[in-house]
PDB file of all heavy atoms in Angstrom:
ATOM      1  N   SER A   1       3.416   7.339  19.758  1.00  0.00           N
ATOM      2  CA  SER A   1       2.144   7.208  19.059  1.00  0.00           C
ATOM      3  C   SER A   1       2.391   7.055  17.485  1.00  0.00           C
ATOM      4  O   SER A   1       1.532   6.503  16.838  1.00  0.00           O
ATOM      5  CB  SER A   1       1.198   8.292  19.359  1.00  0.00           C
ATOM      6  OG  SER A   1       1.797   9.560  18.973  1.00  0.00           O
ATOM      7  N   ALA A   2       3.499   7.570  17.002  1.00  0.00           N
ATOM      8  CA  ALA A   2       3.744   7.472  15.608  1.00  0.00           C
ATOM      9  C   ALA A   2       3.802   6.120  15.093  1.00  0.00           C
ATOM     10  O   ALA A   2       3.467   5.900  13.899  1.00  0.00           O
ATOM     11  CB  ALA A   2       5.082   8.233  15.353  1.00  0.00           C
ATOM     12  N   VAL A   3       4.225   5.204  15.933  1.00  0.00           N
ATOM     13  CA  VAL A   3       4.233   3.782  15.513  1.00  0.00           C
ATOM     14  C   VAL A   3       3.161   2.928  16.171  1.00  0.00           C
ATOM     15  O   VAL A   3       2.613   2.135  15.514  1.00  0.00           O
ATOM     16  CB  VAL A   3       5.687   3.187  15.887  1.00  0.00           C
ATOM     17  CG1 VAL A   3       5.679   1.726  15.587  1.00  0.00           C
ATOM     18  CG2 VAL A   3       6.736   3.901  15.155  1.00  0.00           C
ATOM     19  N   ALA A   4       2.888   3.291  17.366  1.00  0.00           N
ATOM     20  CA  ALA A   4       1.848   2.502  18.112  1.00  0.00           C
ATOM     21  C   ALA A   4       0.478   2.664  17.581  1.00  0.00           C
ATOM     22  O   ALA A   4      -0.304   1.708  17.543  1.00  0.00           O
ATOM     23  CB  ALA A   4       1.907   2.880  19.680  1.00  0.00           C
ATOM     24  N   VAL A   5       0.130   3.860  17.256  1.00  0.00           N
ATOM     25  CA  VAL A   5      -1.323   4.108  16.752  1.00  0.00           C
ATOM     26  C   VAL A   5      -1.471   3.389  15.376  1.00  0.00           C
ATOM     27  O   VAL A   5      -2.532   2.667  15.254  1.00  0.00           O
ATOM     28  CB  VAL A   5      -1.589   5.587  16.681  1.00  0.00           C
ATOM     29  CG1 VAL A   5      -2.914   5.895  15.931  1.00  0.00           C
ATOM     30  CG2 VAL A   5      -1.703   6.129  18.152  1.00  0.00           C
ATOM     31  N   PRO A   6      -0.644   3.458  14.450  1.00  0.00           N
ATOM     32  CA  PRO A   6      -0.836   2.635  13.216  1.00  0.00           C
ATOM     33  C   PRO A   6      -0.936   1.150  13.509  1.00  0.00           C
ATOM     34  O   PRO A   6      -1.751   0.459  13.007  1.00  0.00           O
ATOM     35  CB  PRO A   6       0.413   3.047  12.297  1.00  0.00           C
ATOM     36  CG  PRO A   6       0.770   4.478  12.689  1.00  0.00           C
ATOM     37  CD  PRO A   6       0.473   4.516  14.191  1.00  0.00           C
ATOM     38  N   SER A   7      -0.058   0.731  14.446  1.00  0.00           N
ATOM     39  CA  SER A   7      -0.045  -0.654  14.778  1.00  0.00           C
ATOM     40  C   SER A   7      -1.442  -1.097  15.479  1.00  0.00           C
ATOM     41  O   SER A   7      -1.953  -2.163  15.108  1.00  0.00           O
ATOM     42  CB  SER A   7       1.109  -0.981  15.737  1.00  0.00           C
ATOM     43  OG  SER A   7       2.285  -0.833  15.184  1.00  0.00           O
ATOM     44  N   ALA A   8      -1.970  -0.201  16.253  1.00  0.00           N
ATOM     45  CA  ALA A   8      -3.269  -0.534  16.889  1.00  0.00           C
ATOM     46  C   ALA A   8      -4.361  -0.575  15.847  1.00  0.00           C
ATOM     47  O   ALA A   8      -5.398  -1.330  16.032  1.00  0.00           O
ATOM     48  CB  ALA A   8      -3.584   0.557  17.902  1.00  0.00           C
ATOM     49  N   ALA A   9      -4.178   0.050  14.696  1.00  0.00           N
ATOM     50  CA  ALA A   9      -5.171   0.008  13.614  1.00  0.00           C
ATOM     51  C   ALA A   9      -4.794  -1.076  12.612  1.00  0.00           C
ATOM     52  O   ALA A   9      -5.473  -1.212  11.522  1.00  0.00           O
ATOM     53  CB  ALA A   9      -5.259   1.325  12.897  1.00  0.00           C
ATOM     54  N   GLY A  10      -3.744  -1.876  12.892  1.00  0.00           N
ATOM     55  CA  GLY A  10      -3.409  -2.968  12.039  1.00  0.00           C
ATOM     56  C   GLY A  10      -2.499  -2.638  10.850  1.00  0.00           C
ATOM     57  O   GLY A  10      -2.397  -3.322   9.909  1.00  0.00           O
ATOM     58  N   ILE A  11      -1.885  -1.379  10.888  1.00  0.00           N
ATOM     59  CA  ILE A  11      -1.097  -0.859   9.801  1.00  0.00           C
ATOM     60  C   ILE A  11       0.319  -0.951  10.154  1.00  0.00           C
ATOM     61  O   ILE A  11       0.827  -0.321  11.134  1.00  0.00           O
ATOM     62  CB  ILE A  11      -1.461   0.546   9.502  1.00  0.00           C
ATOM     63  CG1 ILE A  11      -2.925   0.684   9.110  1.00  0.00           C
ATOM     64  CG2 ILE A  11      -0.612   1.099   8.343  1.00  0.00           C
ATOM     65  CD1 ILE A  11      -3.408   2.105   9.009  1.00  0.00           C
ATOM     66  N   PRO A  12       1.175  -1.829   9.442  1.00  0.00           N
ATOM     67  CA  PRO A  12       2.616  -1.823   9.738  1.00  0.00           C
ATOM     68  C   PRO A  12       3.267  -0.604   9.055  1.00  0.00           C
ATOM     69  O   PRO A  12       2.906  -0.209   7.955  1.00  0.00           O
ATOM     70  CB  PRO A  12       3.056  -3.129   8.944  1.00  0.00           C
ATOM     71  CG  PRO A  12       2.086  -3.230   7.863  1.00  0.00           C
ATOM     72  CD  PRO A  12       0.723  -2.732   8.356  1.00  0.00           C
ATOM     73  N   VAL A  13       4.189   0.057   9.720  1.00  0.00           N
ATOM     74  CA  VAL A  13       4.810   1.304   9.114  1.00  0.00           C
ATOM     75  C   VAL A  13       5.838   0.881   8.086  1.00  0.00           C
ATOM     76  O   VAL A  13       6.263   1.640   7.226  1.00  0.00           O
ATOM     77  CB  VAL A  13       5.446   2.209  10.141  1.00  0.00           C
ATOM     78  CG1 VAL A  13       4.296   2.747  11.097  1.00  0.00           C
ATOM     79  CG2 VAL A  13       6.492   1.474  11.070  1.00  0.00           C
ATOM     80  N   THR A  14       6.388  -0.434   8.155  1.00  0.00           N
ATOM     81  CA  THR A  14       7.172  -0.970   7.115  1.00  0.00           C
ATOM     82  C   THR A  14       6.652  -2.320   6.755  1.00  0.00           C
ATOM     83  O   THR A  14       6.053  -2.988   7.600  1.00  0.00           O
ATOM     84  CB  THR A  14       8.720  -1.071   7.622  1.00  0.00           C
ATOM     85  OG1 THR A  14       8.796  -1.916   8.681  1.00  0.00           O
ATOM     86  CG2 THR A  14       9.248   0.261   7.960  1.00  0.00           C
ATOM     87  N   HIS A  15       6.973  -2.765   5.597  1.00  0.00           N
ATOM     88  CA  HIS A  15       6.588  -4.097   5.169  1.00  0.00           C
ATOM     89  C   HIS A  15       7.493  -4.522   4.035  1.00  0.00           C
ATOM     90  O   HIS A  15       7.681  -3.762   3.084  1.00  0.00           O
ATOM     91  CB  HIS A  15       5.086  -4.158   4.696  1.00  0.00           C
ATOM     92  CG  HIS A  15       4.573  -5.566   4.459  1.00  0.00           C
ATOM     93  ND1 HIS A  15       4.277  -6.388   5.450  1.00  0.00           N
ATOM     94  CD2 HIS A  15       4.262  -6.141   3.230  1.00  0.00           C
ATOM     95  CE1 HIS A  15       3.804  -7.523   4.918  1.00  0.00           C
ATOM     96  NE2 HIS A  15       3.821  -7.461   3.580  1.00  0.00           N
ATOM     97  N   ARG A  16       7.945  -5.783   4.095  1.00  0.00           N
ATOM     98  CA  ARG A  16       8.894  -6.337   3.156  1.00  0.00           C
ATOM     99  C   ARG A  16       8.300  -6.180   1.766  1.00  0.00           C
ATOM    100  O   ARG A  16       7.243  -6.684   1.472  1.00  0.00           O
ATOM    101  CB  ARG A  16       9.405  -7.709   3.440  1.00  0.00           C
ATOM    102  CG  ARG A  16      10.449  -8.257   2.582  1.00  0.00           C
ATOM    103  CD  ARG A  16      11.147  -9.475   3.159  1.00  0.00           C
ATOM    104  NE  ARG A  16      10.223 -10.524   3.562  1.00  0.00           N
ATOM    105  CZ  ARG A  16      10.085 -11.591   2.734  1.00  0.00           C
ATOM    106  NH1 ARG A  16      10.746 -11.706   1.592  1.00  0.00           N
ATOM    107  NH2 ARG A  16       9.238 -12.562   3.115  1.00  0.00           N
ATOM    108  N   GLY A  17       9.082  -5.585   0.770  1.00  0.00           N
ATOM    109  CA  GLY A  17       8.576  -5.468  -0.540  1.00  0.00           C
ATOM    110  C   GLY A  17       7.646  -4.322  -0.855  1.00  0.00           C
ATOM    111  O   GLY A  17       7.374  -4.018  -1.936  1.00  0.00           O
ATOM    112  N   VAL A  18       7.267  -3.614   0.242  1.00  0.00           N
ATOM    113  CA  VAL A  18       6.355  -2.455   0.114  1.00  0.00           C
ATOM    114  C   VAL A  18       7.035  -1.150   0.515  1.00  0.00           C
ATOM    115  O   VAL A  18       7.062  -0.197  -0.223  1.00  0.00           O
ATOM    116  CB  VAL A  18       5.083  -2.734   0.931  1.00  0.00           C
ATOM    117  CG1 VAL A  18       4.191  -1.434   0.858  1.00  0.00           C
ATOM    118  CG2 VAL A  18       4.353  -3.949   0.409  1.00  0.00           C
ATOM    119  N   SER A  19       7.570  -1.204   1.772  1.00  0.00           N
ATOM    120  CA  SER A  19       8.212   0.077   2.285  1.00  0.00           C
ATOM    121  C   SER A  19       9.415  -0.289   3.160  1.00  0.00           C
ATOM    122  O   SER A  19       9.254  -1.050   4.133  1.00  0.00           O
ATOM    123  CB  SER A  19       7.211   0.940   3.116  1.00  0.00           C
ATOM    124  OG  SER A  19       7.804   2.046   3.611  1.00  0.00           O
ATOM    125  N   GLN A  20      10.583   0.205   2.773  1.00  0.00           N
ATOM    126  CA  GLN A  20      11.736  -0.049   3.631  1.00  0.00           C
ATOM    127  C   GLN A  20      12.102   1.084   4.501  1.00  0.00           C
ATOM    128  O   GLN A  20      13.227   1.140   5.152  1.00  0.00           O
ATOM    129  CB  GLN A  20      12.928  -0.273   2.699  1.00  0.00           C
ATOM    130  CG  GLN A  20      12.812  -1.493   1.745  1.00  0.00           C
ATOM    131  CD  GLN A  20      13.936  -1.786   0.842  1.00  0.00           C
ATOM    132  OE1 GLN A  20      15.074  -1.421   1.172  1.00  0.00           O
ATOM    133  NE2 GLN A  20      13.688  -2.309  -0.296  1.00  0.00           N
ATOM    134  N   GLU A  21      11.267   2.186   4.571  1.00  0.00           N
ATOM    135  CA  GLU A  21      11.561   3.283   5.358  1.00  0.00           C
ATOM    136  C   GLU A  21      10.195   3.991   5.786  1.00  0.00           C
ATOM    137  O   GLU A  21       9.150   3.813   5.172  1.00  0.00           O
ATOM    138  CB  GLU A  21      12.393   4.319   4.572  1.00  0.00           C
ATOM    139  CG  GLU A  21      11.659   4.789   3.282  1.00  0.00           C
ATOM    140  CD  GLU A  21      12.505   5.741   2.487  1.00  0.00           C
ATOM    141  OE1 GLU A  21      13.214   6.633   3.063  1.00  0.00           O
ATOM    142  OE2 GLU A  21      12.532   5.631   1.215  1.00  0.00           O
ATOM    143  N   PHE A  22      10.335   4.728   6.864  1.00  0.00           N
ATOM    144  CA  PHE A  22       9.146   5.505   7.271  1.00  0.00           C
ATOM    145  C   PHE A  22       9.698   6.855   7.816  1.00  0.00           C
ATOM    146  O   PHE A  22      10.757   6.958   8.448  1.00  0.00           O
ATOM    147  CB  PHE A  22       8.293   4.855   8.221  1.00  0.00           C
ATOM    148  CG  PHE A  22       8.770   4.560   9.647  1.00  0.00           C
ATOM    149  CD1 PHE A  22       8.606   5.405  10.668  1.00  0.00           C
ATOM    150  CD2 PHE A  22       9.528   3.375   9.774  1.00  0.00           C
ATOM    151  CE1 PHE A  22       9.151   5.203  11.926  1.00  0.00           C
ATOM    152  CE2 PHE A  22      10.009   3.111  11.105  1.00  0.00           C
ATOM    153  CZ  PHE A  22       9.763   3.969  12.109  1.00  0.00           C
ATOM    154  N   HIS A  23       8.896   7.907   7.618  1.00  0.00           N
ATOM    155  CA  HIS A  23       9.276   9.231   8.021  1.00  0.00           C
ATOM    156  C   HIS A  23       8.168   9.775   9.034  1.00  0.00           C
ATOM    157  O   HIS A  23       6.994   9.716   8.611  1.00  0.00           O
ATOM    158  CB  HIS A  23       9.324  10.188   6.817  1.00  0.00           C
ATOM    159  CG  HIS A  23      10.311   9.737   5.753  1.00  0.00           C
ATOM    160  ND1 HIS A  23      11.529  10.051   5.613  1.00  0.00           N
ATOM    161  CD2 HIS A  23      10.040   8.848   4.674  1.00  0.00           C
ATOM    162  CE1 HIS A  23      12.092   9.488   4.552  1.00  0.00           C
ATOM    163  NE2 HIS A  23      11.186   8.738   4.044  1.00  0.00           N
ATOM    164  N   VAL A  24       8.578  10.271  10.122  1.00  0.00           N
ATOM    165  CA  VAL A  24       7.635  10.795  11.120  1.00  0.00           C
ATOM    166  C   VAL A  24       7.738  12.334  10.994  1.00  0.00           C
ATOM    167  O   VAL A  24       8.826  12.894  11.171  1.00  0.00           O
ATOM    168  CB  VAL A  24       7.994  10.347  12.511  1.00  0.00           C
ATOM    169  CG1 VAL A  24       6.935  10.894  13.511  1.00  0.00           C
ATOM    170  CG2 VAL A  24       7.896   8.773  12.563  1.00  0.00           C
ATOM    171  N   VAL A  25       6.650  12.980  10.723  1.00  0.00           N
ATOM    172  CA  VAL A  25       6.685  14.442  10.392  1.00  0.00           C
ATOM    173  C   VAL A  25       5.755  15.122  11.366  1.00  0.00           C
ATOM    174  O   VAL A  25       4.576  14.719  11.517  1.00  0.00           O
ATOM    175  CB  VAL A  25       6.251  14.683   8.990  1.00  0.00           C
ATOM    176  CG1 VAL A  25       6.283  16.196   8.672  1.00  0.00           C
ATOM    177  CG2 VAL A  25       7.149  13.894   8.015  1.00  0.00           C
ATOM    178  N   SER A  26       6.179  16.239  11.962  1.00  0.00           N
ATOM    179  CA  SER A  26       5.303  17.146  12.663  1.00  0.00           C
ATOM    180  C   SER A  26       4.808  18.236  11.694  1.00  0.00           C
ATOM    181  O   SER A  26       5.526  18.905  11.073  1.00  0.00           O
ATOM    182  CB  SER A  26       6.142  17.877  13.814  1.00  0.00           C
ATOM    183  OG  SER A  26       5.341  18.967  14.318  1.00  0.00           O
ATOM    184  N   ALA A  27       3.447  18.147  11.547  1.00  0.00           N
ATOM    185  CA  ALA A  27       2.756  19.015  10.588  1.00  0.00           C
ATOM    186  C   ALA A  27       2.079  20.169  11.321  1.00  0.00           C
ATOM    187  O   ALA A  27       0.998  20.585  10.873  1.00  0.00           O
ATOM    188  CB  ALA A  27       1.795  18.153   9.762  1.00  0.00           C
ATOM    189  N   HIS A  28       2.667  20.640  12.398  1.00  0.00           N
ATOM    190  CA  HIS A  28       1.981  21.706  13.141  1.00  0.00           C
ATOM    191  C   HIS A  28       2.068  23.100  12.457  1.00  0.00           C
ATOM    192  O   HIS A  28       1.357  23.997  12.856  1.00  0.00           O
ATOM    193  CB  HIS A  28       2.519  21.821  14.545  1.00  0.00           C
ATOM    194  CG  HIS A  28       3.963  22.285  14.601  1.00  0.00           C
ATOM    195  ND1 HIS A  28       5.056  21.558  14.230  1.00  0.00           N
ATOM    196  CD2 HIS A  28       4.434  23.550  14.931  1.00  0.00           C
ATOM    197  CE1 HIS A  28       6.170  22.200  14.361  1.00  0.00           C
ATOM    198  NE2 HIS A  28       5.899  23.418  14.775  1.00  0.00           N
ATOM    199  N   VAL A  29       2.882  23.173  11.350  1.00  0.00           N
ATOM    200  CA  VAL A  29       2.857  24.310  10.445  1.00  0.00           C
ATOM    201  C   VAL A  29       2.717  23.761   9.050  1.00  0.00           C
ATOM    202  O   VAL A  29       3.116  22.724   8.665  1.00  0.00           O
ATOM    203  CB  VAL A  29       4.145  25.198  10.637  1.00  0.00           C
ATOM    204  CG1 VAL A  29       4.240  25.778  12.017  1.00  0.00           C
ATOM    205  CG2 VAL A  29       5.374  24.288  10.361  1.00  0.00           C
ATOM    206  N   ALA A  30       2.048  24.599   8.231  1.00  0.00           N
ATOM    207  CA  ALA A  30       1.751  24.183   6.875  1.00  0.00           C
ATOM    208  C   ALA A  30       2.977  24.124   6.049  1.00  0.00           C
ATOM    209  O   ALA A  30       4.064  24.764   6.275  1.00  0.00           O
ATOM    210  CB  ALA A  30       0.719  25.235   6.262  1.00  0.00           C
ATOM    211  N   PRO A  31       2.929  23.270   4.866  1.00  0.00           N
ATOM    212  CA  PRO A  31       4.156  23.215   4.089  1.00  0.00           C
ATOM    213  C   PRO A  31       4.697  24.473   3.537  1.00  0.00           C
ATOM    214  O   PRO A  31       5.909  24.556   3.315  1.00  0.00           O
ATOM    215  CB  PRO A  31       3.592  22.238   2.929  1.00  0.00           C
ATOM    216  CG  PRO A  31       2.518  21.478   3.514  1.00  0.00           C
ATOM    217  CD  PRO A  31       1.856  22.442   4.473  1.00  0.00           C
ATOM    218  N   ASP A  32       3.848  25.477   3.255  1.00  0.00           N
ATOM    219  CA  ASP A  32       4.385  26.743   2.685  1.00  0.00           C
ATOM    220  C   ASP A  32       4.667  27.750   3.774  1.00  0.00           C
ATOM    221  O   ASP A  32       4.972  28.932   3.411  1.00  0.00           O
ATOM    222  CB  ASP A  32       3.279  27.248   1.675  1.00  0.00           C
ATOM    223  CG  ASP A  32       1.960  27.540   2.371  1.00  0.00           C
ATOM    224  OD1 ASP A  32       1.757  27.118   3.578  1.00  0.00           O
ATOM    225  OD2 ASP A  32       1.077  28.099   1.727  1.00  0.00           O
ATOM    226  N   ASP A  33       4.574  27.355   5.051  1.00  0.00           N
ATOM    227  CA  ASP A  33       4.921  28.349   6.131  1.00  0.00           C
ATOM    228  C   ASP A  33       6.475  28.506   6.227  1.00  0.00           C
ATOM    229  O   ASP A  33       7.180  27.501   6.212  1.00  0.00           O
ATOM    230  CB  ASP A  33       4.361  27.726   7.422  1.00  0.00           C
ATOM    231  CG  ASP A  33       4.332  28.854   8.477  1.00  0.00           C
ATOM    232  OD1 ASP A  33       5.425  29.353   8.844  1.00  0.00           O
ATOM    233  OD2 ASP A  33       3.294  29.040   9.087  1.00  0.00           O
TER     234      ASP A  33
END
């Protein structure tokens, strides 16, 4: 779903000249945890 759901909404996770990388993050705990 990390890639398929953005695609279903028309959002590419990478695009030439815009983003050459993507990071998939589990946020089930807060950044300061």
